[in-house]
Amino acid sequence: MSFKRFYARNKVVIIILVILFLFLMYYLYLHRHPRTDDAFIVANIRPVSALVSGHITKIYVKNNQQVKKGDKLFTVFKIPYELKVKQLKNSMKAAQYSAEAFKEQLVIDELKIKGKLSLYENSNYLAKQAIELNKVHAVPTKSAEILVRKREVAQAELKIAEAGMNVTKENLQNAYALVESLTAELEEAKVNLNLTTIYAQSDGIVSNMYLSKSVYAERGKPLFSFIDTDSWWIQANIKETELAYVKKGQKVWIKLWLYPGKYFEGRVSNIGWNVNRQLSSSENQLAEVIKENEWFLLPQRFPVQIKITDKDIDKYPLHVGATATVIIDTEDNLIRHLFWQIDFF
């Protein structure tokens, strides 16, 4: 039987088999090279806020402007922070002068104690001599009592001098502590003064900025966004049926809808471990189960982070959130993927 006659008799069957074969090849190709249009450009985005509160006096950039690391973004009213630094400097000088004064007073007190101690020792010696002489030679009692009283006065004056020196020591320690406290406050005030001007922490793009001078900026309250352009990624949401053989470091082909006809290269840099499916009622915290279509259940998708490695990426301005198509070059087990549902039967 010739091929033409066989083909003529089984034309419909052959066409169906060819279509099925092509469909099978395409299915295997998709699982050998997982492909998804559910992907988009991501970058490190951080909110920009004033680091100290105050009215904005200068704005150095515009919305959507590209800046370099270290460029000025805006400045908060400096004068209150400059005055604070000046005030603390004067207070610290006064505290230092006070400490020096107490230090000198401590020297004076020590000299006083030496003098009072000498007087006490002398009066104590005379009093003891008078008492001894009174016993032996019957020295008049009145003279002995006068010497004893002088000794008591000298002893009291010595104790007063010692107490005064202790007070001076405490005052000196308090002065030193005040100097240290004011030094810390001064350093903080200098830091706050430096923080009145906000700088770009990396190369990037100013985004969603609608500011004008005299606007009051609260510390830590976001004013606009900053897109870090040093690194760009693609987040591709891959089906769980294709995720098992996606590994870190695998090559990726990327097509950005922004630039038709241009393919970029990339590498898998990270694979997401979880997505949110567990729901709870806000009223009673009971678990909520979403009713799925029992006839056809779609596979869950997990985020895969892809690093763009193209050398000429700088020639193509990227936009966060722009759509991408990715194809991952996996080392897949085609037969196992073809029958991935075999374990359920």
Foldseek 3Di string as FASTA:
>chain_A
DDPVVVCVVCVVVVVVVVVVVVVLVVVLVCLLWPKDQQKFKAFDKDFDAQQAWAFWAFADDDAFDWDFFFAWGTFGDQVVLVVQLVVLVVVLVVLVVQLVVLVVVLVVLVVQLVVLVVQLVVLVVVLVVQVVCCVPVVDPPVVSVVSVVSNVVSVVSNVVSVVVSVVSVVSNVVSVVVSVVSVVVSVVSVVSSVSRIDTHNGTWTWHPADDDGRDITHRPDGRTMTGHPPWMKMKDWGFPLSPPQQDFFFKKWKDFPVDPPDIFIWTFHDWADDDDDWDADPVPRHTDDDDDDPVDHGTGTTIIIITTDGPVVVVPDGDGGGTMMMITNGPDDSVCSVVVVVVVD
